Amino acid sequence: MQQLMMSFEGYEPPEDLRAGVEHGEIAAFCLFGHWNGDSPAQVRELTDALRRAARQGGQLTPLIGIDQEGGQLMAVTHGATELPGNMAIGATRSPELAEQAGRVLARELLAM
């Protein structure tokens, strides 16, 4: 069985990709803000649709990646916390600040 990581353009997964998830052929997605939504609510609707497709086919939840690192690398820009980039956080030499930023990103990504 082939399992692929896919990306697509749109706020809803195309029917052929949804079928691929249901049949276990597609196991992961990489989302991009300019293609798949720029707000947490839009991304959540999309990821819910992908999870539903997996459940309907009796498959595992797909792995979903998104470029949401802080600074210039923020796929979701509307409604998400604006954080400095990793180089800026590293320049502070503060492990506590890095941990706080990581927790904010993790909490927001879990909600999506």
PDB file of N, CA and C in Angstrom:
ATOM      1  N   MET A   1       0.844  -1.177   0.000  1.00  0.00           N
ATOM      2  CA  MET A   1       0.000   0.000   0.000  1.00  0.00           C
ATOM      3  C   MET A   1       0.890   1.241   0.000  1.00  0.00           C
ATOM      4  N   GLN A   2       0.658   2.119  -0.928  1.00  0.00           N
ATOM      5  CA  GLN A   2       1.408   3.375  -1.044  1.00  0.00           C
ATOM      6  C   GLN A   2       0.825   4.404  -0.082  1.00  0.00           C
ATOM      7  N   GLN A   3       1.664   5.062   0.698  1.00  0.00           N
ATOM      8  CA  GLN A   3       1.195   6.145   1.553  1.00  0.00           C
ATOM      9  C   GLN A   3       2.027   7.372   1.245  1.00  0.00           C
ATOM     10  N   LEU A   4       1.351   8.445   0.900  1.00  0.00           N
ATOM     11  CA  LEU A   4       2.009   9.650   0.421  1.00  0.00           C
ATOM     12  C   LEU A   4       1.713  10.841   1.303  1.00  0.00           C
ATOM     13  N   MET A   5       2.575  11.860   1.204  1.00  0.00           N
ATOM     14  CA  MET A   5       2.290  13.176   1.771  1.00  0.00           C
ATOM     15  C   MET A   5       1.920  14.073   0.600  1.00  0.00           C
ATOM     16  N   MET A   6       0.786  14.736   0.721  1.00  0.00           N
ATOM     17  CA  MET A   6       0.262  15.543  -0.376  1.00  0.00           C
ATOM     18  C   MET A   6       0.042  16.982   0.081  1.00  0.00           C
ATOM     19  N   SER A   7      -0.038  17.856  -0.888  1.00  0.00           N
ATOM     20  CA  SER A   7      -0.520  19.217  -0.658  1.00  0.00           C
ATOM     21  C   SER A   7      -1.519  19.508  -1.770  1.00  0.00           C
ATOM     22  N   PHE A   8      -2.351  20.494  -1.554  1.00  0.00           N
ATOM     23  CA  PHE A   8      -3.357  20.842  -2.547  1.00  0.00           C
ATOM     24  C   PHE A   8      -3.769  22.288  -2.326  1.00  0.00           C
ATOM     25  N   GLU A   9      -4.401  22.841  -3.321  1.00  0.00           N
ATOM     26  CA  GLU A   9      -4.860  24.217  -3.252  1.00  0.00           C
ATOM     27  C   GLU A   9      -6.357  24.222  -2.970  1.00  0.00           C
ATOM     28  N   GLY A  10      -6.764  24.938  -1.931  1.00  0.00           N
ATOM     29  CA  GLY A  10      -8.181  25.047  -1.613  1.00  0.00           C
ATOM     30  C   GLY A  10      -8.439  24.919  -0.128  1.00  0.00           C
ATOM     31  N   TYR A  11      -9.623  25.353   0.273  1.00  0.00           N
ATOM     32  CA  TYR A  11     -10.012  25.308   1.685  1.00  0.00           C
ATOM     33  C   TYR A  11     -10.722  24.010   2.050  1.00  0.00           C
ATOM     34  N   GLU A  12     -10.976  23.167   1.053  1.00  0.00           N
ATOM     35  CA  GLU A  12     -11.559  21.847   1.269  1.00  0.00           C
ATOM     36  C   GLU A  12     -10.743  20.843   0.470  1.00  0.00           C
ATOM     37  N   PRO A  13     -10.559  19.635   1.010  1.00  0.00           N
ATOM     38  CA  PRO A  13      -9.804  18.641   0.246  1.00  0.00           C
ATOM     39  C   PRO A  13     -10.597  18.197  -0.983  1.00  0.00           C
ATOM     40  N   PRO A  14      -9.942  18.118  -2.142  1.00  0.00           N
ATOM     41  CA  PRO A  14     -10.623  17.617  -3.338  1.00  0.00           C
ATOM     42  C   PRO A  14     -11.096  16.176  -3.122  1.00  0.00           C
ATOM     43  N   GLU A  15     -12.118  15.801  -3.837  1.00  0.00           N
ATOM     44  CA  GLU A  15     -12.723  14.474  -3.655  1.00  0.00           C
ATOM     45  C   GLU A  15     -11.718  13.344  -3.876  1.00  0.00           C
ATOM     46  N   ASP A  16     -10.828  13.473  -4.868  1.00  0.00           N
ATOM     47  CA  ASP A  16      -9.865  12.394  -5.110  1.00  0.00           C
ATOM     48  C   ASP A  16      -8.891  12.237  -3.945  1.00  0.00           C
ATOM     49  N   LEU A  17      -8.496  13.333  -3.317  1.00  0.00           N
ATOM     50  CA  LEU A  17      -7.605  13.226  -2.158  1.00  0.00           C
ATOM     51  C   LEU A  17      -8.350  12.686  -0.947  1.00  0.00           C
ATOM     52  N   ARG A  18      -9.590  13.109  -0.782  1.00  0.00           N
ATOM     53  CA  ARG A  18     -10.404  12.583   0.322  1.00  0.00           C
ATOM     54  C   ARG A  18     -10.547  11.063   0.182  1.00  0.00           C
ATOM     55  N   ALA A  19     -10.781  10.594  -1.039  1.00  0.00           N
ATOM     56  CA  ALA A  19     -10.888   9.152  -1.279  1.00  0.00           C
ATOM     57  C   ALA A  19      -9.559   8.456  -0.992  1.00  0.00           C
ATOM     58  N   GLY A  20      -8.448   9.102  -1.346  1.00  0.00           N
ATOM     59  CA  GLY A  20      -7.137   8.530  -1.049  1.00  0.00           C
ATOM     60  C   GLY A  20      -6.897   8.372   0.438  1.00  0.00           C
ATOM     61  N   VAL A  21      -7.391   9.318   1.229  1.00  0.00           N
ATOM     62  CA  VAL A  21      -7.282   9.215   2.689  1.00  0.00           C
ATOM     63  C   VAL A  21      -8.148   8.058   3.180  1.00  0.00           C
ATOM     64  N   GLU A  22      -9.381   7.984   2.702  1.00  0.00           N
ATOM     65  CA  GLU A  22     -10.299   6.922   3.126  1.00  0.00           C
ATOM     66  C   GLU A  22      -9.739   5.535   2.824  1.00  0.00           C
ATOM     67  N   HIS A  23      -9.033   5.399   1.706  1.00  0.00           N
ATOM     68  CA  HIS A  23      -8.496   4.094   1.306  1.00  0.00           C
ATOM     69  C   HIS A  23      -7.086   3.838   1.840  1.00  0.00           C
ATOM     70  N   GLY A  24      -6.551   4.754   2.616  1.00  0.00           N
ATOM     71  CA  GLY A  24      -5.233   4.549   3.208  1.00  0.00           C
ATOM     72  C   GLY A  24      -4.077   4.788   2.260  1.00  0.00           C
ATOM     73  N   GLU A  25      -4.330   5.411   1.126  1.00  0.00           N
ATOM     74  CA  GLU A  25      -3.265   5.679   0.160  1.00  0.00           C
ATOM     75  C   GLU A  25      -2.513   6.964   0.473  1.00  0.00           C
ATOM     76  N   ILE A  26      -3.177   7.889   1.140  1.00  0.00           N
ATOM     77  CA  ILE A  26      -2.565   9.162   1.528  1.00  0.00           C
ATOM     78  C   ILE A  26      -2.588   9.237   3.044  1.00  0.00           C
ATOM     79  N   ALA A  27      -1.426   9.442   3.635  1.00  0.00           N
ATOM     80  CA  ALA A  27      -1.329   9.406   5.090  1.00  0.00           C
ATOM     81  C   ALA A  27      -0.905  10.729   5.701  1.00  0.00           C
ATOM     82  N   ALA A  28      -0.581  11.724   4.879  1.00  0.00           N
ATOM     83  CA  ALA A  28      -0.077  12.982   5.435  1.00  0.00           C
ATOM     84  C   ALA A  28      -0.329  14.125   4.455  1.00  0.00           C
ATOM     85  N   PHE A  29      -0.406  15.327   5.022  1.00  0.00           N
ATOM     86  CA  PHE A  29      -0.615  16.537   4.224  1.00  0.00           C
ATOM     87  C   PHE A  29       0.299  17.634   4.720  1.00  0.00           C
ATOM     88  N   CYS A  30       0.732  18.470   3.802  1.00  0.00           N
ATOM     89  CA  CYS A  30       1.469  19.683   4.137  1.00  0.00           C
ATOM     90  C   CYS A  30       0.592  20.853   3.705  1.00  0.00           C
ATOM     91  N   LEU A  31       0.200  21.687   4.661  1.00  0.00           N
ATOM     92  CA  LEU A  31      -0.692  22.810   4.386  1.00  0.00           C
ATOM     93  C   LEU A  31       0.103  24.100   4.253  1.00  0.00           C
ATOM     94  N   PHE A  32      -0.398  24.987   3.421  1.00  0.00           N
ATOM     95  CA  PHE A  32       0.224  26.287   3.187  1.00  0.00           C
ATOM     96  C   PHE A  32      -0.836  27.369   3.323  1.00  0.00           C
ATOM     97  N   GLY A  33      -0.503  28.447   4.021  1.00  0.00           N
ATOM     98  CA  GLY A  33      -1.458  29.515   4.269  1.00  0.00           C
ATOM     99  C   GLY A  33      -2.044  30.108   3.007  1.00  0.00           C
ATOM    100  N   HIS A  34      -1.218  30.350   2.001  1.00  0.00           N
ATOM    101  CA  HIS A  34      -1.725  30.964   0.774  1.00  0.00           C
ATOM    102  C   HIS A  34      -2.604  30.007  -0.031  1.00  0.00           C
ATOM    103  N   TRP A  35      -2.581  28.727   0.261  1.00  0.00           N
ATOM    104  CA  TRP A  35      -3.414  27.746  -0.434  1.00  0.00           C
ATOM    105  C   TRP A  35      -4.587  27.266   0.403  1.00  0.00           C
ATOM    106  N   ASN A  36      -4.346  27.065   1.697  1.00  0.00           N
ATOM    107  CA  ASN A  36      -5.292  26.303   2.507  1.00  0.00           C
ATOM    108  C   ASN A  36      -5.969  27.077   3.626  1.00  0.00           C
ATOM    109  N   GLY A  37      -5.782  28.373   3.691  1.00  0.00           N
ATOM    110  CA  GLY A  37      -6.444  29.160   4.725  1.00  0.00           C
ATOM    111  C   GLY A  37      -5.442  29.920   5.552  1.00  0.00           C
ATOM    112  N   ASP A  38      -5.814  31.125   5.924  1.00  0.00           N
ATOM    113  CA  ASP A  38      -4.877  31.932   6.705  1.00  0.00           C
ATOM    114  C   ASP A  38      -5.407  32.263   8.091  1.00  0.00           C
ATOM    115  N   SER A  39      -6.468  31.586   8.514  1.00  0.00           N
ATOM    116  CA  SER A  39      -6.964  31.778   9.878  1.00  0.00           C
ATOM    117  C   SER A  39      -7.065  30.420  10.568  1.00  0.00           C
ATOM    118  N   PRO A  40      -6.956  30.405  11.895  1.00  0.00           N
ATOM    119  CA  PRO A  40      -7.098  29.133  12.611  1.00  0.00           C
ATOM    120  C   PRO A  40      -8.425  28.433  12.309  1.00  0.00           C
ATOM    121  N   ALA A  41      -9.506  29.194  12.176  1.00  0.00           N
ATOM    122  CA  ALA A  41     -10.814  28.582  11.908  1.00  0.00           C
ATOM    123  C   ALA A  41     -10.835  27.896  10.541  1.00  0.00           C
ATOM    124  N   GLN A  42     -10.255  28.532   9.523  1.00  0.00           N
ATOM    125  CA  GLN A  42     -10.211  27.920   8.189  1.00  0.00           C
ATOM    126  C   GLN A  42      -9.387  26.637   8.208  1.00  0.00           C
ATOM    127  N   VAL A  43      -8.243  26.694   8.874  1.00  0.00           N
ATOM    128  CA  VAL A  43      -7.378  25.514   8.930  1.00  0.00           C
ATOM    129  C   VAL A  43      -8.063  24.406   9.720  1.00  0.00           C
ATOM    130  N   ARG A  44      -8.754  24.752  10.803  1.00  0.00           N
ATOM    131  CA  ARG A  44      -9.454  23.741  11.606  1.00  0.00           C
ATOM    132  C   ARG A  44     -10.532  23.043  10.778  1.00  0.00           C
ATOM    133  N   GLU A  45     -11.295  23.789  10.006  1.00  0.00           N
ATOM    134  CA  GLU A  45     -12.321  23.171   9.153  1.00  0.00           C
ATOM    135  C   GLU A  45     -11.688  22.187   8.172  1.00  0.00           C
ATOM    136  N   LEU A  46     -10.567  22.577   7.618  1.00  0.00           N
ATOM    137  CA  LEU A  46      -9.877  21.720   6.657  1.00  0.00           C
ATOM    138  C   LEU A  46      -9.335  20.461   7.331  1.00  0.00           C
ATOM    139  N   THR A  47      -8.675  20.614   8.466  1.00  0.00           N
ATOM    140  CA  THR A  47      -8.115  19.436   9.141  1.00  0.00           C
ATOM    141  C   THR A  47      -9.222  18.524   9.657  1.00  0.00           C
ATOM    142  N   ASP A  48     -10.345  19.104  10.077  1.00  0.00           N
ATOM    143  CA  ASP A  48     -11.489  18.275  10.483  1.00  0.00           C
ATOM    144  C   ASP A  48     -11.977  17.422   9.316  1.00  0.00           C
ATOM    145  N   ALA A  49     -12.032  18.008   8.116  1.00  0.00           N
ATOM    146  CA  ALA A  49     -12.473  17.258   6.934  1.00  0.00           C
ATOM    147  C   ALA A  49     -11.516  16.108   6.627  1.00  0.00           C
ATOM    148  N   LEU A  50     -10.216  16.343   6.781  1.00  0.00           N
ATOM    149  CA  LEU A  50      -9.237  15.279   6.540  1.00  0.00           C
ATOM    150  C   LEU A  50      -9.360  14.175   7.585  1.00  0.00           C
ATOM    151  N   ARG A  51      -9.565  14.558   8.836  1.00  0.00           N
ATOM    152  CA  ARG A  51      -9.732  13.553   9.897  1.00  0.00           C
ATOM    153  C   ARG A  51     -11.015  12.743   9.689  1.00  0.00           C
ATOM    154  N   ARG A  52     -12.093  13.415   9.275  1.00  0.00           N
ATOM    155  CA  ARG A  52     -13.357  12.707   9.004  1.00  0.00           C
ATOM    156  C   ARG A  52     -13.171  11.669   7.901  1.00  0.00           C
ATOM    157  N   ALA A  53     -12.463  12.050   6.848  1.00  0.00           N
ATOM    158  CA  ALA A  53     -12.227  11.113   5.739  1.00  0.00           C
ATOM    159  C   ALA A  53     -11.476   9.878   6.233  1.00  0.00           C
ATOM    160  N   ALA A  54     -10.490  10.080   7.088  1.00  0.00           N
ATOM    161  CA  ALA A  54      -9.732   8.944   7.624  1.00  0.00           C
ATOM    162  C   ALA A  54     -10.639   8.047   8.470  1.00  0.00           C
ATOM    163  N   ARG A  55     -11.447   8.654   9.335  1.00  0.00           N
ATOM    164  CA  ARG A  55     -12.356   7.869  10.182  1.00  0.00           C
ATOM    165  C   ARG A  55     -13.346   7.070   9.333  1.00  0.00           C
ATOM    166  N   GLN A  56     -13.887   7.698   8.300  1.00  0.00           N
ATOM    167  CA  GLN A  56     -14.860   7.016   7.439  1.00  0.00           C
ATOM    168  C   GLN A  56     -14.257   5.787   6.775  1.00  0.00           C
ATOM    169  N   GLY A  57     -12.967   5.832   6.503  1.00  0.00           N
ATOM    170  CA  GLY A  57     -12.303   4.692   5.878  1.00  0.00           C
ATOM    171  C   GLY A  57     -11.647   3.756   6.868  1.00  0.00           C
ATOM    172  N   GLY A  58     -11.814   4.022   8.169  1.00  0.00           N
ATOM    173  CA  GLY A  58     -11.178   3.179   9.179  1.00  0.00           C
ATOM    174  C   GLY A  58      -9.667   3.331   9.212  1.00  0.00           C
ATOM    175  N   GLN A  59      -9.171   4.500   8.806  1.00  0.00           N
ATOM    176  CA  GLN A  59      -7.727   4.744   8.740  1.00  0.00           C
ATOM    177  C   GLN A  59      -7.256   5.540   9.957  1.00  0.00           C
ATOM    178  N   LEU A  60      -5.963   5.552  10.146  1.00  0.00           N
ATOM    179  CA  LEU A  60      -5.371   6.386  11.184  1.00  0.00           C
ATOM    180  C   LEU A  60      -5.507   7.853  10.804  1.00  0.00           C
ATOM    181  N   THR A  61      -5.495   8.713  11.791  1.00  0.00           N
ATOM    182  CA  THR A  61      -5.548  10.149  11.549  1.00  0.00           C
ATOM    183  C   THR A  61      -4.335  10.561  10.725  1.00  0.00           C
ATOM    184  N   PRO A  62      -4.524  11.319   9.655  1.00  0.00           N
ATOM    185  CA  PRO A  62      -3.372  11.721   8.846  1.00  0.00           C
ATOM    186  C   PRO A  62      -2.449  12.682   9.596  1.00  0.00           C
ATOM    187  N   LEU A  63      -1.182  12.586   9.293  1.00  0.00           N
ATOM    188  CA  LEU A  63      -0.193  13.531   9.800  1.00  0.00           C
ATOM    189  C   LEU A  63      -0.366  14.823   9.017  1.00  0.00           C
ATOM    190  N   ILE A  64      -0.450  15.941   9.725  1.00  0.00           N
ATOM    191  CA  ILE A  64      -0.658  17.222   9.056  1.00  0.00           C
ATOM    192  C   ILE A  64       0.455  18.170   9.455  1.00  0.00           C
ATOM    193  N   GLY A  65       1.185  18.662   8.465  1.00  0.00           N
ATOM    194  CA  GLY A  65       2.260  19.621   8.690  1.00  0.00           C
ATOM    195  C   GLY A  65       1.864  20.987   8.157  1.00  0.00           C
ATOM    196  N   ILE A  66       2.396  22.020   8.804  1.00  0.00           N
ATOM    197  CA  ILE A  66       2.144  23.392   8.362  1.00  0.00           C
ATOM    198  C   ILE A  66       3.340  24.234   8.779  1.00  0.00           C
ATOM    199  N   ASP A  67       3.723  25.172   7.956  1.00  0.00           N
ATOM    200  CA  ASP A  67       4.890  26.012   8.232  1.00  0.00           C
ATOM    201  C   ASP A  67       4.482  27.159   9.154  1.00  0.00           C
ATOM    202  N   GLN A  68       4.501  26.891  10.443  1.00  0.00           N
ATOM    203  CA  GLN A  68       4.053  27.863  11.443  1.00  0.00           C
ATOM    204  C   GLN A  68       5.137  27.943  12.521  1.00  0.00           C
ATOM    205  N   GLU A  69       6.244  28.595  12.189  1.00  0.00           N
ATOM    206  CA  GLU A  69       7.409  28.603  13.064  1.00  0.00           C
ATOM    207  C   GLU A  69       7.617  29.914  13.799  1.00  0.00           C
ATOM    208  N   GLY A  70       6.933  30.949  13.389  1.00  0.00           N
ATOM    209  CA  GLY A  70       7.176  32.273  13.958  1.00  0.00           C
ATOM    210  C   GLY A  70       7.964  33.120  12.974  1.00  0.00           C
ATOM    211  N   GLY A  71       7.970  34.419  13.205  1.00  0.00           N
ATOM    212  CA  GLY A  71       8.681  35.324  12.307  1.00  0.00           C
ATOM    213  C   GLY A  71       8.080  35.312  10.922  1.00  0.00           C
ATOM    214  N   GLN A  72       8.926  35.191   9.906  1.00  0.00           N
ATOM    215  CA  GLN A  72       8.458  35.187   8.522  1.00  0.00           C
ATOM    216  C   GLN A  72       7.784  33.880   8.131  1.00  0.00           C
ATOM    217  N   LEU A  73       7.983  32.837   8.910  1.00  0.00           N
ATOM    218  CA  LEU A  73       7.439  31.521   8.572  1.00  0.00           C
ATOM    219  C   LEU A  73       6.140  31.274   9.330  1.00  0.00           C
ATOM    220  N   MET A  74       5.111  31.985   8.919  1.00  0.00           N
ATOM    221  CA  MET A  74       3.799  31.861   9.549  1.00  0.00           C
ATOM    222  C   MET A  74       2.756  31.657   8.457  1.00  0.00           C
ATOM    223  N   ALA A  75       2.325  30.421   8.259  1.00  0.00           N
ATOM    224  CA  ALA A  75       1.307  30.132   7.249  1.00  0.00           C
ATOM    225  C   ALA A  75      -0.037  30.725   7.655  1.00  0.00           C
ATOM    226  N   VAL A  76      -0.357  30.640   8.930  1.00  0.00           N
ATOM    227  CA  VAL A  76      -1.618  31.169   9.448  1.00  0.00           C
ATOM    228  C   VAL A  76      -1.318  32.532  10.054  1.00  0.00           C
ATOM    229  N   THR A  77      -1.846  33.574   9.429  1.00  0.00           N
ATOM    230  CA  THR A  77      -1.485  34.930   9.852  1.00  0.00           C
ATOM    231  C   THR A  77      -2.626  35.695  10.500  1.00  0.00           C
ATOM    232  N   HIS A  78      -3.857  35.356  10.216  1.00  0.00           N
ATOM    233  CA  HIS A  78      -4.997  36.088  10.773  1.00  0.00           C
ATOM    234  C   HIS A  78      -5.578  35.316  11.954  1.00  0.00           C
ATOM    235  N   GLY A  79      -5.460  35.879  13.141  1.00  0.00           N
ATOM    236  CA  GLY A  79      -6.008  35.227  14.320  1.00  0.00           C
ATOM    237  C   GLY A  79      -5.016  34.370  15.074  1.00  0.00           C
ATOM    238  N   ALA A  80      -3.787  34.311  14.619  1.00  0.00           N
ATOM    239  CA  ALA A  80      -2.739  33.570  15.324  1.00  0.00           C
ATOM    240  C   ALA A  80      -1.786  34.575  15.964  1.00  0.00           C
ATOM    241  N   THR A  81      -1.146  34.163  17.028  1.00  0.00           N
ATOM    242  CA  THR A  81      -0.208  35.030  17.725  1.00  0.00           C
ATOM    243  C   THR A  81       1.018  35.281  16.853  1.00  0.00           C
ATOM    244  N   GLU A  82       1.373  36.546  16.684  1.00  0.00           N
ATOM    245  CA  GLU A  82       2.595  36.886  15.954  1.00  0.00           C
ATOM    246  C   GLU A  82       3.775  36.728  16.899  1.00  0.00           C
ATOM    247  N   LEU A  83       4.674  35.856  16.548  1.00  0.00           N
ATOM    248  CA  LEU A  83       5.857  35.605  17.367  1.00  0.00           C
ATOM    249  C   LEU A  83       7.106  35.952  16.571  1.00  0.00           C
ATOM    250  N   PRO A  84       8.174  36.312  17.267  1.00  0.00           N
ATOM    251  CA  PRO A  84       9.430  36.559  16.559  1.00  0.00           C
ATOM    252  C   PRO A  84       9.965  35.258  15.965  1.00  0.00           C
ATOM    253  N   GLY A  85      10.822  35.393  14.976  1.00  0.00           N
ATOM    254  CA  GLY A  85      11.445  34.224  14.373  1.00  0.00           C
ATOM    255  C   GLY A  85      12.408  33.544  15.331  1.00  0.00           C
ATOM    256  N   ASN A  86      12.809  32.347  14.968  1.00  0.00           N
ATOM    257  CA  ASN A  86      13.688  31.561  15.833  1.00  0.00           C
ATOM    258  C   ASN A  86      15.046  32.214  16.050  1.00  0.00           C
ATOM    259  N   MET A  87      15.582  32.896  15.041  1.00  0.00           N
ATOM    260  CA  MET A  87      16.872  33.570  15.231  1.00  0.00           C
ATOM    261  C   MET A  87      16.743  34.694  16.254  1.00  0.00           C
ATOM    262  N   ALA A  88      15.633  35.418  16.220  1.00  0.00           N
ATOM    263  CA  ALA A  88      15.424  36.499  17.187  1.00  0.00           C
ATOM    264  C   ALA A  88      15.275  35.939  18.594  1.00  0.00           C
ATOM    265  N   ILE A  89      14.538  34.856  18.727  1.00  0.00           N
ATOM    266  CA  ILE A  89      14.388  34.241  20.052  1.00  0.00           C
ATOM    267  C   ILE A  89      15.734  33.721  20.531  1.00  0.00           C
ATOM    268  N   GLY A  90      16.494  33.088  19.639  1.00  0.00           N
ATOM    269  CA  GLY A  90      17.815  32.587  20.019  1.00  0.00           C
ATOM    270  C   GLY A  90      18.763  33.693  20.436  1.00  0.00           C
ATOM    271  N   ALA A  91      18.639  34.859  19.808  1.00  0.00           N
ATOM    272  CA  ALA A  91      19.517  35.984  20.145  1.00  0.00           C
ATOM    273  C   ALA A  91      19.299  36.476  21.570  1.00  0.00           C
ATOM    274  N   THR A  92      18.144  36.187  22.144  1.00  0.00           N
ATOM    275  CA  THR A  92      17.898  36.596  23.538  1.00  0.00           C
ATOM    276  C   THR A  92      18.660  35.714  24.520  1.00  0.00           C
ATOM    277  N   ARG A  93      19.076  34.552  24.070  1.00  0.00           N
ATOM    278  CA  ARG A  93      19.760  33.566  24.913  1.00  0.00           C
ATOM    279  C   ARG A  93      18.921  33.183  26.137  1.00  0.00           C
ATOM    280  N   SER A  94      17.622  33.198  25.956  1.00  0.00           N
ATOM    281  CA  SER A  94      16.705  32.887  27.052  1.00  0.00           C
ATOM    282  C   SER A  94      15.958  31.585  26.762  1.00  0.00           C
ATOM    283  N   PRO A  95      16.353  30.494  27.423  1.00  0.00           N
ATOM    284  CA  PRO A  95      15.609  29.244  27.253  1.00  0.00           C
ATOM    285  C   PRO A  95      14.143  29.394  27.668  1.00  0.00           C
ATOM    286  N   GLU A  96      13.907  30.227  28.662  1.00  0.00           N
ATOM    287  CA  GLU A  96      12.533  30.431  29.134  1.00  0.00           C
ATOM    288  C   GLU A  96      11.673  31.072  28.042  1.00  0.00           C
ATOM    289  N   LEU A  97      12.225  32.073  27.373  1.00  0.00           N
ATOM    290  CA  LEU A  97      11.491  32.735  26.297  1.00  0.00           C
ATOM    291  C   LEU A  97      11.234  31.763  25.141  1.00  0.00           C
ATOM    292  N   ALA A  98      12.227  30.963  24.808  1.00  0.00           N
ATOM    293  CA  ALA A  98      12.057  29.965  23.744  1.00  0.00           C
ATOM    294  C   ALA A  98      10.962  28.969  24.119  1.00  0.00           C
ATOM    295  N   GLU A  99      10.946  28.548  25.364  1.00  0.00           N
ATOM    296  CA  GLU A  99       9.912  27.612  25.817  1.00  0.00           C
ATOM    297  C   GLU A  99       8.528  28.253  25.754  1.00  0.00           C
ATOM    298  N   GLN A 100       8.427  29.496  26.184  1.00  0.00           N
ATOM    299  CA  GLN A 100       7.132  30.187  26.142  1.00  0.00           C
ATOM    300  C   GLN A 100       6.621  30.306  24.707  1.00  0.00           C
ATOM    301  N   ALA A 101       7.497  30.682  23.794  1.00  0.00           N
ATOM    302  CA  ALA A 101       7.093  30.797  22.386  1.00  0.00           C
ATOM    303  C   ALA A 101       6.656  29.437  21.846  1.00  0.00           C
ATOM    304  N   GLY A 102       7.392  28.406  22.191  1.00  0.00           N
ATOM    305  CA  GLY A 102       7.037  27.055  21.756  1.00  0.00           C
ATOM    306  C   GLY A 102       5.693  26.610  22.295  1.00  0.00           C
ATOM    307  N   ARG A 103       5.422  26.961  23.529  1.00  0.00           N
ATOM    308  CA  ARG A 103       4.123  26.598  24.122  1.00  0.00           C
ATOM    309  C   ARG A 103       2.969  27.319  23.423  1.00  0.00           C
ATOM    310  N   VAL A 104       3.174  28.596  23.105  1.00  0.00           N
ATOM    311  CA  VAL A 104       2.132  29.351  22.394  1.00  0.00           C
ATOM    312  C   VAL A 104       1.857  28.699  21.038  1.00  0.00           C
ATOM    313  N   LEU A 105       2.918  28.417  20.285  1.00  0.00           N
ATOM    314  CA  LEU A 105       2.743  27.777  18.974  1.00  0.00           C
ATOM    315  C   LEU A 105       2.060  26.417  19.106  1.00  0.00           C
ATOM    316  N   ALA A 106       2.501  25.624  20.068  1.00  0.00           N
ATOM    317  CA  ALA A 106       1.924  24.290  20.253  1.00  0.00           C
ATOM    318  C   ALA A 106       0.439  24.375  20.585  1.00  0.00           C
ATOM    319  N   ARG A 107       0.078  25.259  21.491  1.00  0.00           N
ATOM    320  CA  ARG A 107      -1.328  25.402  21.891  1.00  0.00           C
ATOM    321  C   ARG A 107      -2.192  25.799  20.683  1.00  0.00           C
ATOM    322  N   GLU A 108      -1.705  26.750  19.907  1.00  0.00           N
ATOM    323  CA  GLU A 108      -2.479  27.204  18.751  1.00  0.00           C
ATOM    324  C   GLU A 108      -2.566  26.130  17.664  1.00  0.00           C
ATOM    325  N   LEU A 109      -1.479  25.416  17.439  1.00  0.00           N
ATOM    326  CA  LEU A 109      -1.505  24.365  16.417  1.00  0.00           C
ATOM    327  C   LEU A 109      -2.402  23.200  16.833  1.00  0.00           C
ATOM    328  N   LEU A 110      -2.401  22.868  18.116  1.00  0.00           N
ATOM    329  CA  LEU A 110      -3.301  21.806  18.582  1.00  0.00           C
ATOM    330  C   LEU A 110      -4.763  22.172  18.356  1.00  0.00           C
ATOM    331  N   ALA A 111      -5.070  23.450  18.439  1.00  0.00           N
ATOM    332  CA  ALA A 111      -6.448  23.908  18.227  1.00  0.00           C
ATOM    333  C   ALA A 111      -6.846  23.858  16.755  1.00  0.00           C
ATOM    334  N   MET A 112      -5.859  23.744  15.879  1.00  0.00           N
ATOM    335  CA  MET A 112      -6.157  23.715  14.443  1.00  0.00           C
ATOM    336  C   MET A 112      -6.282  22.294  13.960  1.00  0.00           C
TER     337      MET A 112
END
